[in-house]
Amino acid sequence: MERVPTVSGTTNLLDILDRVLDKGLVIAGDVRVSLANVELLTIRVRLLICSVDKAEQIGLNWWKYDPHLTLPAPMAPPALPDRERNTRRSKPAPVVRRSRKR
């Protein structure tokens, strides 16, 4: 009878995921497509898997400033033109007329 190796201890997926997010996991690789020693395509893959807390510890916080991931800042109301400002006053602004000397 053949003996099957077993793992001592109980490690489940949640423990592994917790360990990976706490410590971090880096995957790096390059894919190059060449034909007759002429490089046609290069794909560089750099992947970091970690928790947000760990990312901030190592200085990564790009998601705070990405316009696609953050809400836009509230905009100030547009300034009113002079004509509309005058109509909102309780008294109309006086009209000053100058006479031309000839």
C-alpha atoms as a PDB file:
ATOM      1  CA  MET A   1       0.000   0.000   0.000  1.00  0.00           C
ATOM      2  CA  GLU A   2       1.361   3.410  -1.024  1.00  0.00           C
ATOM      3  CA  ARG A   3       1.398   6.151   1.537  1.00  0.00           C
ATOM      4  CA  VAL A   4       0.092   9.620   0.521  1.00  0.00           C
ATOM      5  CA  PRO A   5       1.931  12.595   2.045  1.00  0.00           C
ATOM      6  CA  THR A   6      -0.219  14.780   4.250  1.00  0.00           C
ATOM      7  CA  VAL A   7       0.196  18.325   5.494  1.00  0.00           C
ATOM      8  CA  SER A   8       0.529  18.655   9.219  1.00  0.00           C
ATOM      9  CA  GLY A   9      -1.549  21.422  10.765  1.00  0.00           C
ATOM     10  CA  THR A  10      -4.644  23.074   9.425  1.00  0.00           C
ATOM     11  CA  THR A  11      -4.176  25.926   6.993  1.00  0.00           C
ATOM     12  CA  ASN A  12      -7.206  27.107   5.110  1.00  0.00           C
ATOM     13  CA  LEU A  13      -7.611  29.621   2.320  1.00  0.00           C
ATOM     14  CA  LEU A  14      -8.487  32.418   4.742  1.00  0.00           C
ATOM     15  CA  ASP A  15      -5.201  31.979   6.619  1.00  0.00           C
ATOM     16  CA  ILE A  16      -3.219  32.017   3.375  1.00  0.00           C
ATOM     17  CA  LEU A  17      -5.042  35.111   2.105  1.00  0.00           C
ATOM     18  CA  ASP A  18      -4.505  36.885   5.431  1.00  0.00           C
ATOM     19  CA  ARG A  19      -0.790  36.095   5.316  1.00  0.00           C
ATOM     20  CA  VAL A  20      -0.434  37.263   1.700  1.00  0.00           C
ATOM     21  CA  LEU A  21      -2.273  40.537   2.323  1.00  0.00           C
ATOM     22  CA  ASP A  22      -0.299  41.189   5.518  1.00  0.00           C
ATOM     23  CA  LYS A  23       3.155  40.504   4.068  1.00  0.00           C
ATOM     24  CA  GLY A  24       2.547  41.236   0.392  1.00  0.00           C
ATOM     25  CA  LEU A  25       3.166  39.233  -2.750  1.00  0.00           C
ATOM     26  CA  VAL A  26       5.090  40.435  -5.802  1.00  0.00           C
ATOM     27  CA  ILE A  27       4.795  38.802  -9.195  1.00  0.00           C
ATOM     28  CA  ALA A  28       7.066  40.035 -11.956  1.00  0.00           C
ATOM     29  CA  GLY A  29       7.534  38.741 -15.450  1.00  0.00           C
ATOM     30  CA  ASP A  30       8.334  39.632 -19.040  1.00  0.00           C
ATOM     31  CA  VAL A  31       6.814  38.225 -22.206  1.00  0.00           C
ATOM     32  CA  ARG A  32       8.723  38.807 -25.428  1.00  0.00           C
ATOM     33  CA  VAL A  33       7.590  37.814 -28.880  1.00  0.00           C
ATOM     34  CA  SER A  34      10.359  37.648 -31.472  1.00  0.00           C
ATOM     35  CA  LEU A  35      10.561  36.483 -35.056  1.00  0.00           C
ATOM     36  CA  ALA A  36      13.964  35.812 -36.612  1.00  0.00           C
ATOM     37  CA  ASN A  37      15.746  37.681 -33.790  1.00  0.00           C
ATOM     38  CA  VAL A  38      13.514  40.726 -34.315  1.00  0.00           C
ATOM     39  CA  GLU A  39      11.581  41.640 -31.215  1.00  0.00           C
ATOM     40  CA  LEU A  40       7.965  42.306 -32.152  1.00  0.00           C
ATOM     41  CA  LEU A  41       6.297  42.685 -28.785  1.00  0.00           C
ATOM     42  CA  THR A  42       7.351  43.044 -25.162  1.00  0.00           C
ATOM     43  CA  ILE A  43       4.918  42.899 -22.261  1.00  0.00           C
ATOM     44  CA  ARG A  44       6.259  43.683 -18.794  1.00  0.00           C
ATOM     45  CA  VAL A  45       4.088  42.560 -15.903  1.00  0.00           C
ATOM     46  CA  ARG A  46       4.602  43.824 -12.357  1.00  0.00           C
ATOM     47  CA  LEU A  47       1.927  42.838  -9.855  1.00  0.00           C
ATOM     48  CA  LEU A  48       1.809  43.652  -6.153  1.00  0.00           C
ATOM     49  CA  ILE A  49      -0.846  42.045  -4.000  1.00  0.00           C
ATOM     50  CA  CYS A  50      -1.157  43.414  -0.467  1.00  0.00           C
ATOM     51  CA  SER A  51      -3.563  45.159   1.874  1.00  0.00           C
ATOM     52  CA  VAL A  52      -4.181  48.900   1.716  1.00  0.00           C
ATOM     53  CA  ASP A  53      -2.454  49.339   5.078  1.00  0.00           C
ATOM     54  CA  LYS A  54       0.650  47.517   3.858  1.00  0.00           C
ATOM     55  CA  ALA A  55       0.668  49.537   0.613  1.00  0.00           C
ATOM     56  CA  GLU A  56       0.586  52.797   2.565  1.00  0.00           C
ATOM     57  CA  GLN A  57       3.432  51.539   4.787  1.00  0.00           C
ATOM     58  CA  ILE A  58       5.644  51.038   1.744  1.00  0.00           C
ATOM     59  CA  GLY A  59       4.667  54.378   0.214  1.00  0.00           C
ATOM     60  CA  LEU A  60       2.015  53.428  -2.341  1.00  0.00           C
ATOM     61  CA  ASN A  61      -1.120  55.578  -2.243  1.00  0.00           C
ATOM     62  CA  TRP A  62      -1.941  56.321  -5.877  1.00  0.00           C
ATOM     63  CA  TRP A  63      -5.628  55.510  -5.376  1.00  0.00           C
ATOM     64  CA  LYS A  64      -6.036  58.629  -3.219  1.00  0.00           C
ATOM     65  CA  TYR A  65      -5.234  60.901  -6.163  1.00  0.00           C
ATOM     66  CA  ASP A  66      -6.640  58.946  -9.117  1.00  0.00           C
ATOM     67  CA  PRO A  67      -9.502  61.000 -10.598  1.00  0.00           C
ATOM     68  CA  HIS A  68     -11.353  57.824 -11.584  1.00  0.00           C
ATOM     69  CA  LEU A  69     -11.358  56.524  -8.013  1.00  0.00           C
ATOM     70  CA  THR A  70     -11.971  59.708  -6.008  1.00  0.00           C
ATOM     71  CA  LEU A  71     -14.968  61.991  -5.838  1.00  0.00           C
ATOM     72  CA  PRO A  72     -14.542  65.404  -7.454  1.00  0.00           C
ATOM     73  CA  ALA A  73     -14.170  68.350  -5.096  1.00  0.00           C
ATOM     74  CA  PRO A  74     -17.336  70.401  -4.649  1.00  0.00           C
ATOM     75  CA  MET A  75     -17.382  73.310  -7.064  1.00  0.00           C
ATOM     76  CA  ALA A  76     -18.009  76.896  -6.012  1.00  0.00           C
ATOM     77  CA  PRO A  77     -21.115  78.487  -7.530  1.00  0.00           C
ATOM     78  CA  PRO A  78     -20.345  80.386 -10.724  1.00  0.00           C
ATOM     79  CA  ALA A  79     -19.868  84.134 -10.450  1.00  0.00           C
ATOM     80  CA  LEU A  80     -22.802  86.175 -11.682  1.00  0.00           C
ATOM     81  CA  PRO A  81     -22.313  88.753 -14.432  1.00  0.00           C
ATOM     82  CA  ASP A  82     -22.626  92.406 -13.409  1.00  0.00           C
ATOM     83  CA  ARG A  83     -26.111  92.713 -14.920  1.00  0.00           C
ATOM     84  CA  GLU A  84     -27.462  89.880 -12.758  1.00  0.00           C
ATOM     85  CA  ARG A  85     -25.744  91.218  -9.637  1.00  0.00           C
ATOM     86  CA  ASN A  86     -27.482  94.554 -10.114  1.00  0.00           C
ATOM     87  CA  THR A  87     -30.903  92.943 -10.467  1.00  0.00           C
ATOM     88  CA  ARG A  88     -30.470  91.145  -7.134  1.00  0.00           C
ATOM     89  CA  ARG A  89     -30.008  94.382  -5.193  1.00  0.00           C
ATOM     90  CA  SER A  90     -32.988  95.892  -3.452  1.00  0.00           C
ATOM     91  CA  LYS A  91     -32.352  99.286  -5.099  1.00  0.00           C
ATOM     92  CA  PRO A  92     -31.260  99.623  -8.722  1.00  0.00           C
ATOM     93  CA  ALA A  93     -27.791 100.971  -9.287  1.00  0.00           C
ATOM     94  CA  PRO A  94     -27.735 104.653 -10.329  1.00  0.00           C
ATOM     95  CA  VAL A  95     -27.076 105.347 -13.991  1.00  0.00           C
ATOM     96  CA  VAL A  96     -24.304 107.854 -14.594  1.00  0.00           C
ATOM     97  CA  ARG A  97     -24.395 109.732 -17.893  1.00  0.00           C
ATOM     98  CA  ARG A  98     -21.611 111.914 -19.084  1.00  0.00           C
ATOM     99  CA  SER A  99     -22.090 114.663 -21.526  1.00  0.00           C
ATOM    100  CA  ARG A 100     -19.680 115.070 -24.398  1.00  0.00           C
ATOM    101  CA  LYS A 101     -18.038 118.409 -25.023  1.00  0.00           C
ATOM    102  CA  ARG A 102     -17.530 119.410 -28.640  1.00  0.00           C
END
